[in-house]
Amino acid sequence: MVPPCAGLLVATSSAGSQPYQPGNLLDRMTRRSTLEVHYRQLMSRERELLERRLDRSGGEVLSVGCGWNPGRHLFPAPAFRLVGVDSDPAKVAGVLEAGRVDEAHVGHAGALALPDESFDVVLYRLVLHHIVYQGPLAPCFEEAARLLRPGGALVAIEPGLWHPVGSGLAIANRTGVATAIHGTRDDVPLSPRRLLAEARAAGFEPELHALTYTWRRLPPRVQRVVQQLDALGSRPRAAPFGHTLLLIAWKLAARRRDERTRARA
């Protein structure tokens, strides 16, 4: 469960998030220091896995739905040139003024007027699970495929449906108590199977990892114990059950993509 106000860690959907109710039950029960234990682990795991799996020393990165945190901790300057897009003009102005991006635009996911094959990485960081509340995800994946250069990667970081917390969140959404419990109706955990299917349908070669299995509401001592499971997060049988998932979807060169297609036929 990810509130739109969780410090600098949360990006807001470029399609526009639903209003957040800060006086919800879980916020009243949770100390800020408890949340920070989770956030530090999440950021550390993000950096660790992307450094290992992307293996890039620089490039052009597009952060879609960048909010207040476009992902500079993952793609540091000056090696990476970071472009942010958000539907909220105030956030676009804010990240530019703070120097968190090199360039920023007002825009909506799935309808970005940016040149084809102009980025090495397209980042959706805690964004797709808001967008899915409002419509299909296919336009986001198809747009990323258009914007990426061959060999580039779509990176999505999202809450997982198959984790117990994700399942509980889905039940809260279906029964109409989501806002009272965790503050918003548009916090929709995503099925790992759906993330992989959407990526493949757009022509990507995807891989899935679990960033963390813990939950930010657990007592810090319990979080630290559960964090030991994160070492299993890249194992194929364990990855789908993460609390927070990492999808890395590669745009293959045309020749290699055709070879993969023929091999599967």
Protein backbone atom coordinates (compact mmCIF):
# COMPACT_ATOMS: atom_id res chain seq x y z
CA MET A 1 0.00 0.00 0.00
CA VAL A 2 1.64 3.18 -1.19
CA PRO A 3 0.30 6.62 -0.25
CA PRO A 4 0.92 9.49 -2.66
CA CYS A 5 2.60 11.41 0.15
CA ALA A 6 5.25 8.89 1.19
CA GLY A 7 8.15 11.31 1.16
CA LEU A 8 10.27 11.35 -1.98
CA LEU A 9 9.77 7.70 -2.68
CA VAL A 10 6.46 7.73 -4.45
CA ALA A 11 5.78 8.82 -7.98
CA THR A 12 2.32 10.05 -8.90
CA SER A 13 0.60 8.60 -11.92
CA SER A 14 0.96 10.69 -15.03
CA ALA A 15 -2.70 10.03 -15.60
CA GLY A 16 -3.52 11.68 -12.26
CA SER A 17 -4.01 9.85 -8.95
CA GLN A 18 -7.19 9.77 -6.93
CA PRO A 19 -7.36 12.03 -3.84
CA TYR A 20 -5.51 10.62 -0.84
CA GLN A 21 -7.10 10.56 2.62
CA PRO A 22 -4.25 11.11 5.14
CA GLY A 23 -6.38 10.30 8.21
CA ASN A 24 -6.87 6.68 7.21
CA LEU A 25 -6.60 3.78 9.64
CA LEU A 26 -3.12 2.55 8.67
CA ASP A 27 -1.56 6.01 8.69
CA ARG A 28 -2.89 6.61 12.21
CA MET A 29 -1.31 3.35 13.35
CA THR A 30 2.12 3.75 11.74
CA ARG A 31 5.07 5.89 12.83
CA ARG A 32 7.17 7.65 10.24
CA SER A 33 10.29 5.93 11.57
CA THR A 34 8.65 2.56 10.83
CA LEU A 35 7.97 3.56 7.24
CA GLU A 36 11.55 4.71 6.74
CA VAL A 37 12.92 1.23 7.53
CA HIS A 38 10.99 -0.09 4.54
CA TYR A 39 11.85 2.84 2.25
CA ARG A 40 15.59 2.51 2.88
CA GLN A 41 15.51 -1.19 2.07
CA LEU A 42 13.42 -0.62 -1.05
CA MET A 43 15.78 2.03 -2.42
CA SER A 44 18.80 -0.12 -1.66
CA ARG A 45 17.30 -3.11 -3.44
CA GLU A 46 16.30 -1.00 -6.44
CA ARG A 47 19.85 0.25 -6.86
CA GLU A 48 21.38 -3.18 -6.31
CA LEU A 49 19.23 -5.00 -8.86
CA LEU A 50 19.28 -2.31 -11.54
CA GLU A 51 23.03 -1.89 -11.32
CA ARG A 52 23.41 -5.64 -11.72
CA ARG A 53 20.77 -6.32 -14.36
CA LEU A 54 20.87 -3.17 -16.52
CA ASP A 55 24.65 -2.93 -16.46
CA ARG A 56 24.61 0.62 -17.86
CA SER A 57 27.12 3.34 -17.10
CA GLY A 58 25.05 6.12 -18.66
CA GLY A 59 22.31 7.03 -21.12
CA GLU A 60 19.00 8.81 -21.64
CA VAL A 61 16.26 7.94 -19.13
CA LEU A 62 12.56 8.88 -19.24
CA SER A 63 10.68 8.83 -15.92
CA VAL A 64 6.93 8.67 -16.63
CA GLY A 65 4.67 9.88 -13.82
CA CYS A 66 7.77 11.19 -12.11
CA GLY A 67 6.03 12.99 -9.23
CA TRP A 68 8.48 14.52 -6.76
CA ASN A 69 10.99 11.66 -7.11
CA PRO A 70 11.86 10.90 -10.73
CA GLY A 71 14.41 8.21 -9.84
CA ARG A 72 17.66 10.15 -9.67
CA HIS A 73 18.86 7.71 -6.97
CA LEU A 74 18.78 5.02 -9.68
CA PHE A 75 20.20 7.06 -12.56
CA PRO A 76 22.68 9.59 -11.15
CA ALA A 77 24.02 12.66 -12.95
CA PRO A 78 26.05 13.37 -14.94
CA ALA A 79 26.29 9.86 -16.40
CA PHE A 80 22.54 9.66 -16.95
CA ARG A 81 20.40 12.37 -18.50
CA LEU A 82 17.01 12.16 -16.78
CA VAL A 83 13.80 13.47 -18.35
CA GLY A 84 10.66 13.61 -16.21
CA VAL A 85 7.02 13.64 -17.30
CA ASP A 86 4.02 14.23 -15.06
CA SER A 87 0.44 15.42 -15.53
CA ASP A 88 0.80 17.90 -12.64
CA PRO A 89 2.50 21.15 -13.71
CA ALA A 90 3.48 21.88 -10.09
CA LYS A 91 5.45 18.63 -9.87
CA VAL A 92 7.13 19.28 -13.22
CA ALA A 93 8.20 22.75 -12.04
CA GLY A 94 9.25 21.37 -8.64
CA VAL A 95 11.58 18.64 -9.90
CA LEU A 96 13.16 21.07 -12.35
CA GLU A 97 13.73 23.68 -9.65
CA ALA A 98 15.18 21.07 -7.28
CA GLY A 99 17.56 19.80 -9.95
CA ARG A 100 16.23 16.25 -9.77
CA VAL A 101 15.83 16.09 -13.56
CA ASP A 102 17.67 17.54 -16.53
CA GLU A 103 14.44 18.20 -18.39
CA ALA A 104 10.72 17.85 -17.60
CA HIS A 105 7.40 18.07 -19.41
CA VAL A 106 3.70 18.04 -18.62
CA GLY A 107 2.17 14.97 -20.24
CA HIS A 108 0.13 11.81 -19.85
CA ALA A 109 1.30 8.21 -20.04
CA GLY A 110 0.33 6.62 -23.33
CA ALA A 111 0.06 9.98 -25.13
CA LEU A 112 3.54 11.49 -24.97
CA ALA A 113 4.70 13.63 -27.90
CA LEU A 114 8.32 12.49 -27.72
CA PRO A 115 10.50 11.20 -30.57
CA ASP A 116 10.72 7.50 -31.37
CA GLU A 117 13.76 5.58 -30.11
CA SER A 118 15.05 8.50 -28.05
CA PHE A 119 15.67 6.78 -24.69
CA ASP A 120 17.74 3.96 -23.27
CA VAL A 121 15.46 3.40 -20.26
CA VAL A 122 11.79 4.17 -19.66
CA LEU A 123 10.98 4.13 -15.94
CA TYR A 124 7.57 3.63 -14.34
CA ARG A 125 8.23 3.82 -10.62
CA LEU A 126 5.11 3.11 -8.55
CA VAL A 127 2.92 4.49 -11.33
CA LEU A 128 1.26 1.67 -13.27
CA HIS A 129 -0.75 0.51 -10.27
CA HIS A 130 -2.48 3.89 -10.30
CA ILE A 131 -2.95 4.01 -14.07
CA VAL A 132 -4.62 0.59 -14.13
CA TYR A 133 -7.43 2.01 -11.96
CA GLN A 134 -8.32 4.37 -14.82
CA GLY A 135 -7.75 2.24 -17.90
CA PRO A 136 -5.70 -0.41 -19.72
CA LEU A 137 -1.94 -0.68 -19.37
CA ALA A 138 -1.28 -1.66 -22.99
CA PRO A 139 -0.83 1.97 -24.22
CA CYS A 140 1.92 2.50 -21.61
CA PHE A 141 3.85 -0.59 -22.70
CA GLU A 142 3.36 0.15 -26.40
CA GLU A 143 4.53 3.72 -25.91
CA ALA A 144 7.62 2.57 -24.04
CA ALA A 145 8.44 0.21 -26.92
CA ARG A 146 8.16 3.14 -29.33
CA LEU A 147 10.33 5.47 -27.25
CA LEU A 148 13.11 2.99 -26.47
CA ARG A 149 16.14 2.42 -28.61
CA PRO A 150 16.90 -1.21 -29.57
CA GLY A 151 18.53 -2.85 -26.58
CA GLY A 152 16.83 -0.42 -24.21
CA ALA A 153 14.72 -1.41 -21.21
CA LEU A 154 11.36 -0.62 -19.67
CA VAL A 155 11.69 -0.64 -15.87
CA ALA A 156 8.54 -0.88 -13.75
CA ILE A 157 8.44 -0.99 -9.94
CA GLU A 158 4.99 -1.90 -8.62
CA PRO A 159 3.15 -3.56 -5.68
CA GLY A 160 2.45 -7.24 -6.28
CA LEU A 161 -0.97 -8.90 -6.09
CA TRP A 162 0.29 -12.32 -5.01
CA HIS A 163 1.86 -11.07 -1.76
CA PRO A 164 -0.48 -11.34 1.26
CA VAL A 165 -0.58 -7.55 1.61
CA GLY A 166 -1.39 -7.17 -2.08
CA SER A 167 -4.21 -9.68 -1.78
CA GLY A 168 -5.58 -7.87 1.25
CA LEU A 169 -5.41 -4.56 -0.59
CA ALA A 170 -7.34 -6.03 -3.52
CA ILE A 171 -10.07 -7.23 -1.14
CA ALA A 172 -10.27 -3.76 0.45
CA ASN A 173 -10.64 -2.21 -3.00
CA ARG A 174 -13.40 -4.62 -4.02
CA THR A 175 -15.37 -4.19 -0.80
CA GLY A 176 -15.29 -0.38 -0.88
CA VAL A 177 -13.29 0.17 2.33
CA ALA A 178 -9.96 1.06 0.70
CA THR A 179 -10.07 4.81 1.38
CA ALA A 180 -10.88 4.35 5.06
CA ILE A 181 -8.16 1.74 5.54
CA HIS A 182 -5.26 2.98 3.42
CA GLY A 183 -6.30 6.33 2.00
CA THR A 184 -7.13 5.86 -1.69
CA ARG A 185 -9.14 3.76 -4.12
CA ASP A 186 -6.59 3.71 -6.94
CA ASP A 187 -3.81 1.75 -5.21
CA VAL A 188 -4.25 -1.43 -7.27
CA PRO A 189 -1.70 -4.25 -6.77
CA LEU A 190 -0.65 -5.83 -10.05
CA SER A 191 -0.51 -9.49 -10.94
CA PRO A 192 3.02 -10.57 -11.89
CA ARG A 193 1.49 -12.68 -14.63
CA ARG A 194 -0.22 -9.61 -16.07
CA LEU A 195 2.95 -7.52 -15.98
CA LEU A 196 4.84 -10.19 -17.91
CA ALA A 197 1.98 -10.65 -20.40
CA GLU A 198 1.65 -6.91 -21.06
CA ALA A 199 5.39 -6.67 -21.69
CA ARG A 200 5.43 -9.61 -24.08
CA ALA A 201 2.38 -8.31 -25.96
CA ALA A 202 4.28 -5.07 -26.62
CA GLY A 203 7.24 -6.99 -28.02
CA PHE A 204 9.49 -6.94 -24.96
CA GLU A 205 11.59 -9.73 -23.47
CA PRO A 206 10.74 -9.40 -19.75
CA GLU A 207 12.27 -10.59 -16.50
CA LEU A 208 10.71 -10.34 -13.04
CA HIS A 209 12.27 -9.82 -9.60
CA ALA A 210 10.96 -9.25 -6.09
CA LEU A 211 12.48 -6.14 -4.57
CA THR A 212 11.21 -6.89 -1.08
CA TYR A 213 8.89 -9.26 0.74
CA THR A 214 8.32 -7.08 3.78
CA TRP A 215 5.64 -4.47 4.47
CA ARG A 216 6.24 -0.92 5.61
CA ARG A 217 3.63 -1.17 8.37
CA LEU A 218 5.36 -4.02 10.22
CA PRO A 219 7.38 -3.21 13.36
CA PRO A 220 10.99 -2.41 12.43
CA ARG A 221 12.39 -5.53 14.08
CA VAL A 222 9.99 -7.73 12.13
CA GLN A 223 10.78 -5.89 8.91
CA ARG A 224 14.50 -6.53 9.36
CA VAL A 225 13.87 -10.24 9.86
CA VAL A 226 11.65 -10.52 6.79
CA GLN A 227 14.14 -8.49 4.72
CA GLN A 228 16.44 -11.51 4.82
CA LEU A 229 14.06 -13.16 2.33
CA ASP A 230 14.85 -10.45 -0.23
CA ALA A 231 17.96 -12.40 -1.24
CA LEU A 232 15.56 -14.87 -2.89
CA GLY A 233 13.93 -12.16 -4.99
CA SER A 234 15.54 -13.08 -8.32
CA ARG A 235 14.64 -16.77 -8.15
CA PRO A 236 11.89 -17.47 -10.73
CA ARG A 237 9.64 -19.36 -8.31
CA ALA A 238 9.99 -16.77 -5.53
CA ALA A 239 9.92 -13.51 -7.48
CA PRO A 240 6.14 -13.41 -8.24
CA PHE A 241 5.29 -13.37 -4.52
CA GLY A 242 7.16 -10.18 -3.64
CA HIS A 243 5.48 -7.25 -1.94
CA THR A 244 7.15 -4.91 -4.44
CA LEU A 245 7.98 -6.21 -7.91
CA LEU A 246 10.63 -5.14 -10.39
CA LEU A 247 9.90 -5.72 -14.06
CA ILE A 248 12.77 -5.23 -16.51
CA ALA A 249 11.56 -5.59 -20.09
CA TRP A 250 14.09 -5.48 -22.91
CA LYS A 251 13.45 -4.08 -26.36
CA LEU A 252 15.20 -6.46 -28.69
CA ALA A 253 16.81 -5.45 -31.95
CA ALA A 254 14.47 -6.22 -34.89
CA ARG A 255 16.57 -9.13 -36.18
CA ARG A 256 16.83 -10.80 -32.78
CA ARG A 257 13.09 -10.28 -32.17
CA ASP A 258 12.27 -11.98 -35.48
CA GLU A 259 14.51 -14.91 -34.56
CA ARG A 260 12.75 -15.28 -31.18
CA THR A 261 9.36 -15.17 -32.91
CA ARG A 262 10.33 -17.89 -35.40
CA ALA A 263 11.77 -20.05 -32.62
CA ARG A 264 8.45 -19.93 -30.74
CA ALA A 265 6.35 -20.67 -33.87
